[in-house]
N, C-alpha and C. Protein backbone atom coordinates (compact mmCIF):
# COMPACT_ATOMS: atom_id res chain seq x y z
N PRO A 1 73.09 88.76 135.34
CA PRO A 1 73.78 88.00 134.38
C PRO A 1 74.30 88.23 133.50
N LEU A 2 75.39 87.35 133.00
CA LEU A 2 75.50 86.73 131.66
C LEU A 2 76.40 85.02 131.99
N VAL A 3 75.62 84.40 131.07
CA VAL A 3 75.64 83.25 131.12
C VAL A 3 76.97 82.96 129.62
N HIS A 4 77.88 82.88 129.96
CA HIS A 4 79.02 82.17 128.62
C HIS A 4 79.87 81.42 128.85
N ASP A 5 79.95 80.59 127.67
CA ASP A 5 81.28 79.45 127.88
C ASP A 5 81.12 78.53 129.58
N GLY A 6 80.01 78.37 129.37
CA GLY A 6 80.31 77.34 131.05
C GLY A 6 80.10 78.18 131.71
N ARG A 7 80.18 79.48 131.96
CA ARG A 7 80.32 80.23 133.32
C ARG A 7 79.20 81.85 133.82
N VAL A 8 78.82 81.31 134.59
CA VAL A 8 77.81 83.06 135.11
C VAL A 8 78.46 84.13 135.50
N ILE A 9 78.71 84.99 134.60
CA ILE A 9 79.13 86.20 135.24
C ILE A 9 78.74 87.28 135.86
N VAL A 10 78.76 87.49 136.67
CA VAL A 10 77.76 88.32 137.90
C VAL A 10 78.53 89.31 138.34
N ASN A 11 78.21 90.70 138.30
CA ASN A 11 78.51 91.87 138.62
C ASN A 11 78.11 92.31 140.24
N VAL A 12 78.68 91.39 141.13
CA VAL A 12 78.05 91.51 142.29
C VAL A 12 78.48 92.79 142.68
N GLY A 13 79.48 93.52 143.29
CA GLY A 13 79.81 94.81 143.86
C GLY A 13 80.84 93.98 144.94
N GLY A 14 81.03 92.47 145.43
CA GLY A 14 81.35 92.29 146.21
C GLY A 14 82.79 92.99 146.81
N PRO A 15 83.37 92.94 148.54
CA PRO A 15 84.80 93.55 148.41
C PRO A 15 85.31 93.07 148.37
N LYS A 16 86.76 93.68 148.82
CA LYS A 16 87.98 92.52 148.44
C LYS A 16 88.01 91.51 147.13
N GLY A 17 88.41 92.66 146.23
CA GLY A 17 88.37 91.94 145.03
C GLY A 17 87.09 90.70 144.32
N ALA A 18 86.05 91.25 144.80
CA ALA A 18 84.94 90.07 144.24
C ALA A 18 83.73 90.87 144.13
N GLY A 19 84.16 92.14 143.16
CA GLY A 19 83.16 92.96 142.67
C GLY A 19 82.83 92.29 141.47
N VAL A 20 83.41 91.29 140.15
CA VAL A 20 82.97 90.43 139.58
C VAL A 20 83.32 89.46 139.97
N VAL A 21 82.33 88.12 139.70
CA VAL A 21 82.79 87.32 139.94
C VAL A 21 82.14 86.27 139.16
N ALA A 22 82.58 85.10 138.67
CA ALA A 22 82.67 83.97 137.32
C ALA A 22 82.75 82.80 138.48
N PHE A 23 80.85 82.21 137.83
CA PHE A 23 80.14 80.98 138.62
C PHE A 23 80.61 79.57 137.63
N ASP A 24 80.66 78.31 138.21
CA ASP A 24 80.72 77.47 137.07
C ASP A 24 79.07 77.39 136.95
N LEU A 25 78.97 77.14 135.73
CA LEU A 25 77.73 76.83 135.54
C LEU A 25 76.62 75.32 136.13
N ALA A 26 78.14 74.90 135.79
CA ALA A 26 77.23 73.59 136.12
C ALA A 26 77.05 73.02 137.72
N ASP A 27 78.11 73.43 138.74
CA ASP A 27 77.69 73.07 140.11
C ASP A 27 77.75 74.74 140.96
N GLY A 28 78.00 75.75 140.48
CA GLY A 28 78.31 77.33 141.07
C GLY A 28 79.45 77.07 142.10
N LYS A 29 80.39 76.62 141.67
CA LYS A 29 81.30 77.01 142.47
C LYS A 29 81.87 78.26 141.60
N THR A 30 82.66 78.79 142.44
CA THR A 30 83.31 80.22 141.99
C THR A 30 84.71 79.80 141.43
N LEU A 31 84.83 80.30 139.82
CA LEU A 31 85.89 79.96 139.03
C LEU A 31 87.12 81.17 139.16
N TRP A 32 86.69 82.33 139.38
CA TRP A 32 87.48 83.16 139.58
C TRP A 32 86.51 85.14 140.01
N GLN A 33 87.01 85.47 140.55
CA GLN A 33 86.34 86.42 141.16
C GLN A 33 87.63 87.71 140.69
N THR A 34 87.10 88.89 140.63
CA THR A 34 88.05 90.01 140.21
C THR A 34 87.83 91.30 140.89
N SER A 35 88.06 92.65 140.60
CA SER A 35 87.55 94.09 140.98
C SER A 35 87.38 94.35 142.09
N ASP A 36 87.48 95.89 142.49
CA ASP A 36 86.82 96.13 143.89
C ASP A 36 85.87 97.03 143.76
N GLU A 37 85.36 97.18 141.98
CA GLU A 37 84.72 98.01 141.71
C GLU A 37 83.11 97.37 142.79
N GLN A 38 82.14 98.54 142.72
CA GLN A 38 81.04 98.33 143.48
C GLN A 38 79.81 97.85 142.50
N ALA A 39 78.25 97.33 142.46
CA ALA A 39 77.75 97.09 141.58
C ALA A 39 77.04 97.62 140.84
N SER A 40 76.34 97.56 139.58
CA SER A 40 75.74 98.28 139.13
C SER A 40 74.17 97.92 138.71
N TYR A 41 72.97 97.91 138.09
CA TYR A 41 72.17 97.61 136.91
C TYR A 41 72.50 96.90 135.88
N SER A 42 73.74 96.98 134.87
CA SER A 42 74.13 97.17 134.05
C SER A 42 74.26 95.59 133.69
N THR A 43 73.80 94.95 132.68
CA THR A 43 74.71 93.05 132.03
C THR A 43 75.57 93.41 131.88
N PRO A 44 76.71 92.11 132.40
CA PRO A 44 77.99 92.31 131.45
C PRO A 44 77.57 92.16 129.65
N ILE A 45 78.15 92.35 129.29
CA ILE A 45 78.50 91.68 127.28
C ILE A 45 79.07 90.99 127.44
N VAL A 46 79.59 90.10 126.09
CA VAL A 46 80.43 89.59 125.55
C VAL A 46 80.65 90.36 123.87
N MET A 47 82.39 90.82 123.77
CA MET A 47 82.89 91.36 122.49
C MET A 47 83.92 90.83 122.05
N LYS A 48 84.19 90.80 120.87
CA LYS A 48 84.88 90.43 120.12
C LYS A 48 86.10 91.79 120.11
N VAL A 49 87.67 91.52 120.51
CA VAL A 49 88.28 92.38 120.95
C VAL A 49 89.97 91.43 120.39
N GLY A 50 90.08 92.38 119.03
CA GLY A 50 91.93 91.57 118.89
C GLY A 50 91.23 89.99 118.11
N GLY A 51 89.91 89.86 117.54
CA GLY A 51 89.52 88.11 117.75
C GLY A 51 89.40 87.46 118.55
N GLN A 52 89.11 88.40 119.69
CA GLN A 52 89.38 87.19 121.16
C GLN A 52 87.70 87.92 122.17
N GLU A 53 87.25 86.64 123.04
CA GLU A 53 86.22 87.12 123.59
C GLU A 53 86.11 87.51 124.61
N ARG A 54 85.66 89.12 124.88
CA ARG A 54 86.01 89.59 126.10
C ARG A 54 84.99 90.04 126.88
N ILE A 55 84.51 90.14 128.21
CA ILE A 55 83.44 90.89 129.36
C ILE A 55 83.52 91.84 128.71
N VAL A 56 82.91 92.58 128.66
CA VAL A 56 82.78 94.33 128.93
C VAL A 56 81.73 94.84 129.81
N LEU A 57 81.64 95.54 130.81
CA LEU A 57 80.38 95.32 131.82
C LEU A 57 80.81 96.66 132.44
N ILE A 58 79.74 97.83 132.72
CA ILE A 58 79.47 99.14 133.68
C ILE A 58 79.45 98.54 135.43
N ALA A 59 80.57 98.88 136.01
CA ALA A 59 80.52 98.69 137.56
C ALA A 59 79.63 99.86 138.03
N ARG A 60 79.97 100.56 139.08
CA ARG A 60 79.55 102.01 139.77
C ARG A 60 79.87 102.99 139.12
N LEU A 61 81.30 102.93 139.35
CA LEU A 61 82.24 104.18 138.71
C LEU A 61 83.27 103.43 137.32
N GLN A 62 82.92 102.25 136.77
CA GLN A 62 84.09 101.90 135.97
C GLN A 62 83.43 101.28 134.75
N CYS A 63 83.80 101.22 133.44
CA CYS A 63 83.52 100.42 132.76
C CYS A 63 84.20 99.64 132.25
N LEU A 64 84.58 98.02 132.53
CA LEU A 64 86.03 97.65 132.66
C LEU A 64 85.78 96.47 131.29
N LEU A 65 86.62 95.73 131.15
CA LEU A 65 87.05 94.68 130.01
C LEU A 65 87.77 93.80 130.54
N LEU A 66 87.45 92.55 130.47
CA LEU A 66 87.79 91.44 131.46
C LEU A 66 88.28 90.18 130.43
N ASP A 67 89.44 89.16 130.68
CA ASP A 67 89.48 87.85 130.33
C ASP A 67 88.50 87.42 130.45
N PRO A 68 87.06 86.67 130.02
CA PRO A 68 86.51 85.61 130.35
C PRO A 68 86.76 84.56 131.13
N ALA A 69 88.08 83.64 130.49
CA ALA A 69 88.43 82.55 131.57
C ALA A 69 89.04 82.98 132.73
N THR A 70 89.24 83.88 132.71
CA THR A 70 90.47 84.02 133.90
C THR A 70 89.43 85.12 135.12
N GLY A 71 88.89 86.65 134.22
CA GLY A 71 88.68 87.60 135.29
C GLY A 71 89.66 89.03 135.20
N LYS A 72 90.46 88.24 134.74
CA LYS A 72 91.93 89.69 134.99
C LYS A 72 91.16 90.67 133.87
N GLU A 73 91.24 92.02 134.21
CA GLU A 73 90.89 92.55 133.72
C GLU A 73 92.21 93.09 132.83
N LEU A 74 91.85 93.80 131.83
CA LEU A 74 92.72 94.21 130.51
C LEU A 74 92.48 95.58 130.78
N ALA A 75 91.12 96.68 130.68
CA ALA A 75 91.49 98.32 130.43
C ALA A 75 90.27 98.43 131.57
N HIS A 76 90.34 99.35 132.13
CA HIS A 76 89.02 100.49 132.11
C HIS A 76 89.10 101.69 132.50
N MET A 77 87.89 102.37 132.33
CA MET A 77 87.75 103.58 132.01
C MET A 77 86.62 103.97 133.02
N PRO A 78 86.51 105.32 133.20
CA PRO A 78 85.65 106.12 134.39
C PRO A 78 84.35 105.89 133.68
N PHE A 79 83.37 105.75 134.28
CA PHE A 79 81.96 105.46 133.76
C PHE A 79 81.24 105.93 135.21
N GLY A 80 80.29 106.63 135.08
CA GLY A 80 79.32 106.86 136.57
C GLY A 80 79.43 107.90 137.22
N ALA A 81 79.17 107.97 138.19
CA ALA A 81 78.81 109.40 139.24
C ALA A 81 78.33 108.89 140.78
N ARG A 82 79.43 109.49 141.72
CA ARG A 82 78.62 109.16 143.26
C ARG A 82 77.32 109.91 143.12
N GLY A 83 76.55 109.01 144.17
CA GLY A 83 75.38 110.24 144.55
C GLY A 83 74.66 109.22 144.23
N PRO A 84 72.83 109.31 144.17
CA PRO A 84 71.86 108.59 144.00
C PRO A 84 71.89 108.96 142.13
N THR A 85 72.46 107.67 141.68
CA THR A 85 72.78 107.50 140.28
C THR A 85 72.17 105.86 139.83
N VAL A 86 72.08 106.23 138.50
CA VAL A 86 71.95 105.23 138.24
C VAL A 86 72.63 104.35 137.21
N ASN A 87 73.72 103.33 136.39
CA ASN A 87 74.14 102.63 136.04
C ASN A 87 73.22 101.20 135.33
N ALA A 88 72.06 101.39 134.09
CA ALA A 88 71.73 100.24 133.87
C ALA A 88 71.49 99.84 132.42
N ALA A 89 71.57 100.58 131.23
CA ALA A 89 71.82 100.28 130.07
C ALA A 89 73.08 99.51 130.00
N ALA A 90 73.03 98.06 129.11
CA ALA A 90 74.16 97.31 129.08
C ALA A 90 75.00 98.03 127.64
N PRO A 91 76.46 97.63 127.90
CA PRO A 91 77.35 98.42 126.92
C PRO A 91 76.53 97.92 125.54
N LEU A 92 76.56 99.08 124.76
CA LEU A 92 76.10 98.73 122.95
C LEU A 92 77.48 98.15 122.21
N VAL A 93 77.56 97.27 121.67
CA VAL A 93 78.82 97.13 121.30
C VAL A 93 78.34 96.89 119.33
N LEU A 94 79.36 98.36 118.94
CA LEU A 94 78.97 98.65 117.69
C LEU A 94 80.52 98.03 116.99
N GLY A 95 80.74 97.81 116.53
CA GLY A 95 82.07 97.17 115.87
C GLY A 95 83.14 96.63 116.46
N ASP A 96 84.60 98.07 116.48
CA ASP A 96 84.93 97.59 117.10
C ASP A 96 85.28 98.89 118.45
N LYS A 97 83.70 99.50 118.79
CA LYS A 97 83.12 99.93 119.54
C LYS A 97 82.36 100.10 120.73
N ILE A 98 82.38 100.74 121.29
CA ILE A 98 80.90 100.57 122.93
C ILE A 98 80.38 101.53 123.00
N PHE A 99 79.71 101.72 122.86
CA PHE A 99 77.90 102.88 123.28
C PHE A 99 78.25 102.38 124.93
N LEU A 100 78.39 103.79 125.86
CA LEU A 100 78.09 103.70 126.97
C LEU A 100 76.75 104.67 127.01
N THR A 101 75.98 104.36 128.06
CA THR A 101 74.64 105.43 128.42
C THR A 101 74.35 105.14 129.79
N ALA A 102 74.29 106.22 130.66
CA ALA A 102 73.24 106.72 131.43
C ALA A 102 72.39 107.82 131.98
N SER A 103 71.52 108.14 132.84
CA SER A 103 70.80 109.55 132.74
C SER A 103 71.80 109.99 134.63
N TYR A 104 71.22 111.02 134.73
CA TYR A 104 72.01 111.69 136.35
C TYR A 104 72.70 112.76 135.97
N GLY A 105 73.12 113.40 134.66
CA GLY A 105 74.53 114.36 134.10
C GLY A 105 75.42 113.35 133.84
N ILE A 106 75.59 111.94 133.97
CA ILE A 106 76.50 111.04 133.31
C ILE A 106 76.48 111.32 132.27
N GLY A 107 75.34 110.47 131.33
CA GLY A 107 75.92 111.16 129.60
C GLY A 107 76.01 109.90 129.10
N ALA A 108 76.65 110.13 128.01
CA ALA A 108 77.18 108.79 126.69
C ALA A 108 78.26 108.92 126.23
N THR A 109 78.82 107.52 126.05
CA THR A 109 80.04 107.84 125.48
C THR A 109 80.23 106.92 124.87
N LEU A 110 81.14 106.81 123.69
CA LEU A 110 81.45 105.88 122.84
C LEU A 110 82.69 106.01 122.55
N ALA A 111 83.51 105.13 122.58
CA ALA A 111 85.00 104.51 123.35
C ALA A 111 85.01 103.36 121.65
N LYS A 112 86.24 103.29 121.60
CA LYS A 112 87.11 102.55 121.07
C LYS A 112 87.93 101.63 121.96
N VAL A 113 87.27 100.15 121.42
CA VAL A 113 88.29 98.79 122.33
C VAL A 113 89.34 98.58 122.07
N THR A 114 90.17 98.33 122.58
CA THR A 114 91.24 97.37 121.89
C THR A 114 91.71 96.29 123.59
N ASP A 115 93.07 95.84 123.63
CA ASP A 115 92.70 94.20 124.48
C ASP A 115 93.64 95.82 125.51
N THR A 116 93.90 96.82 125.47
CA THR A 116 94.97 97.46 126.56
C THR A 116 93.71 98.39 127.44
N LYS A 117 92.75 99.33 126.23
CA LYS A 117 92.65 100.36 126.36
C LYS A 117 91.38 100.84 125.79
N PHE A 118 90.85 101.62 126.56
CA PHE A 118 89.18 102.25 125.78
C PHE A 118 89.57 103.64 125.74
N GLU A 119 88.82 103.87 124.47
CA GLU A 119 89.88 104.69 123.52
C GLU A 119 88.59 105.91 123.18
N PRO A 120 88.07 106.88 124.80
CA PRO A 120 86.94 107.36 124.36
C PRO A 120 87.17 108.20 122.94
N LEU A 121 85.97 108.18 121.56
CA LEU A 121 85.94 109.32 120.98
C LEU A 121 85.46 110.68 121.13
N TRP A 122 83.87 110.09 122.20
CA TRP A 122 83.36 111.63 122.16
C TRP A 122 82.65 111.53 124.01
N SER A 123 81.95 112.18 124.10
CA SER A 123 81.28 112.19 125.66
C SER A 123 80.41 113.36 125.32
N ASN A 124 78.62 113.28 125.62
CA ASN A 124 78.45 114.31 126.40
C ASN A 124 77.02 113.57 127.19
N ASP A 125 76.21 114.00 127.41
CA ASP A 125 74.81 113.93 127.95
C ASP A 125 73.74 115.00 127.46
N GLU A 126 74.03 115.47 125.98
CA GLU A 126 72.63 115.66 125.35
C GLU A 126 72.33 115.01 124.48
N ILE A 127 73.04 114.28 123.78
CA ILE A 127 72.29 112.97 122.82
C ILE A 127 71.77 111.84 123.03
N LEU A 128 71.85 110.92 124.16
CA LEU A 128 70.77 110.24 124.11
C LEU A 128 71.91 109.71 125.87
N SER A 129 70.99 109.97 126.82
CA SER A 129 71.33 109.38 128.34
C SER A 129 69.93 108.99 128.86
N SER A 130 70.13 107.48 129.19
CA SER A 130 68.72 106.36 129.12
C SER A 130 69.24 106.21 130.95
N GLN A 131 67.78 106.34 131.11
CA GLN A 131 67.84 106.21 132.55
C GLN A 131 68.24 104.30 133.30
N TYR A 132 67.17 103.63 132.12
CA TYR A 132 67.30 102.38 131.99
C TYR A 132 67.50 101.40 131.16
N THR A 133 67.07 102.05 130.43
CA THR A 133 66.73 101.22 128.85
C THR A 133 68.38 101.12 128.18
N THR A 134 68.53 100.08 127.51
CA THR A 134 69.68 100.02 126.43
C THR A 134 69.06 100.36 124.98
N PRO A 135 69.69 101.44 124.15
CA PRO A 135 69.68 101.56 122.85
C PRO A 135 69.84 100.28 122.07
N VAL A 136 69.30 100.58 120.90
CA VAL A 136 69.25 99.41 119.48
C VAL A 136 69.81 100.41 118.65
N ALA A 137 70.70 99.71 118.22
CA ALA A 137 71.37 99.73 117.08
C ALA A 137 70.60 99.08 115.80
N HIS A 138 70.22 99.85 115.15
CA HIS A 138 69.73 99.49 113.23
C HIS A 138 69.87 100.37 112.31
N GLY A 139 70.48 99.46 111.50
CA GLY A 139 70.62 100.11 110.42
C GLY A 139 71.17 101.57 110.04
N GLY A 140 72.38 101.53 110.74
CA GLY A 140 73.51 102.60 110.78
C GLY A 140 72.94 103.57 111.67
N LEU A 141 72.20 103.21 112.66
CA LEU A 141 71.48 104.08 113.85
C LEU A 141 71.14 103.79 115.19
N LEU A 142 71.21 104.86 115.96
CA LEU A 142 71.46 104.70 117.34
C LEU A 142 69.73 104.94 117.69
N TYR A 143 69.17 104.24 118.19
CA TYR A 143 67.94 104.50 119.25
C TYR A 143 67.19 104.03 120.15
N GLY A 144 66.93 105.29 121.29
CA GLY A 144 66.80 105.06 122.73
C GLY A 144 66.19 105.84 123.30
N LEU A 145 65.96 105.54 124.34
CA LEU A 145 64.93 106.49 125.56
C LEU A 145 65.99 108.00 125.90
N HIS A 146 65.90 108.72 126.07
CA HIS A 146 66.94 109.65 126.29
C HIS A 146 65.59 110.33 127.61
N GLY A 147 66.57 110.93 128.28
CA GLY A 147 65.61 111.68 129.99
C GLY A 147 65.36 110.41 131.59
N ARG A 148 64.95 111.08 132.37
CA ARG A 148 64.55 110.59 133.05
C ARG A 148 62.90 110.88 133.54
N GLN A 149 62.05 109.35 133.75
CA GLN A 149 60.23 109.97 133.96
C GLN A 149 60.24 110.53 134.99
N ASP A 150 60.86 110.31 135.92
CA ASP A 150 60.93 110.79 136.88
C ASP A 150 61.08 112.26 137.45
N VAL A 151 61.78 112.89 136.59
CA VAL A 151 62.22 114.39 136.46
C VAL A 151 61.35 114.85 135.39
N GLY A 152 60.35 114.83 135.02
CA GLY A 152 60.50 115.33 133.69
C GLY A 152 59.40 113.81 132.23
N SER A 153 59.81 114.34 131.96
CA SER A 153 59.59 113.54 130.77
C SER A 153 60.76 112.80 130.13
N ALA A 154 61.07 111.32 129.40
CA ALA A 154 62.08 111.12 128.69
C ALA A 154 61.26 110.47 127.44
N GLU A 155 62.15 110.95 125.89
CA GLU A 155 62.06 110.28 124.61
C GLU A 155 62.94 110.19 124.31
N LEU A 156 61.91 109.32 123.07
CA LEU A 156 62.24 108.43 122.06
C LEU A 156 63.60 109.60 121.05
N ARG A 157 64.64 108.82 120.90
CA ARG A 157 65.32 109.50 119.99
C ARG A 157 66.32 108.42 118.94
N CYS A 158 66.65 109.33 117.51
CA CYS A 158 67.56 108.58 116.68
C CYS A 158 68.08 109.30 116.86
């Protein structure tokens, strides 16, 4: 879950518009719910877009951009795959862009984010496809684990 501005925001994957739910931090009451997307293991994050705070999260098959106050979906982009796959790494904010990564043939995507859309800049499965861990950006470089230990070996990459 993500705690932000008095809300606990959870990618629960519930049916009938309860894919993402915000609870009041003080009393646990539901503040809003949105999306029919199934859940993933990925943690929602906060990102400034056009000077406004937004929630970015990877659900089962989509990356979503939400208004944190209302849950309104502002944009979405396909990310993920059906089958025995895992979306676990959190979106990584790089200025006005996000970096998404998952293993299982899903790969990595770098996308520019506006308040109305995700604009993919590139996508492939060769640079950094992380099974679980979120990469780290430092000094203009991106460090992370590529691959899956259950079908070979994972590598530390930059």
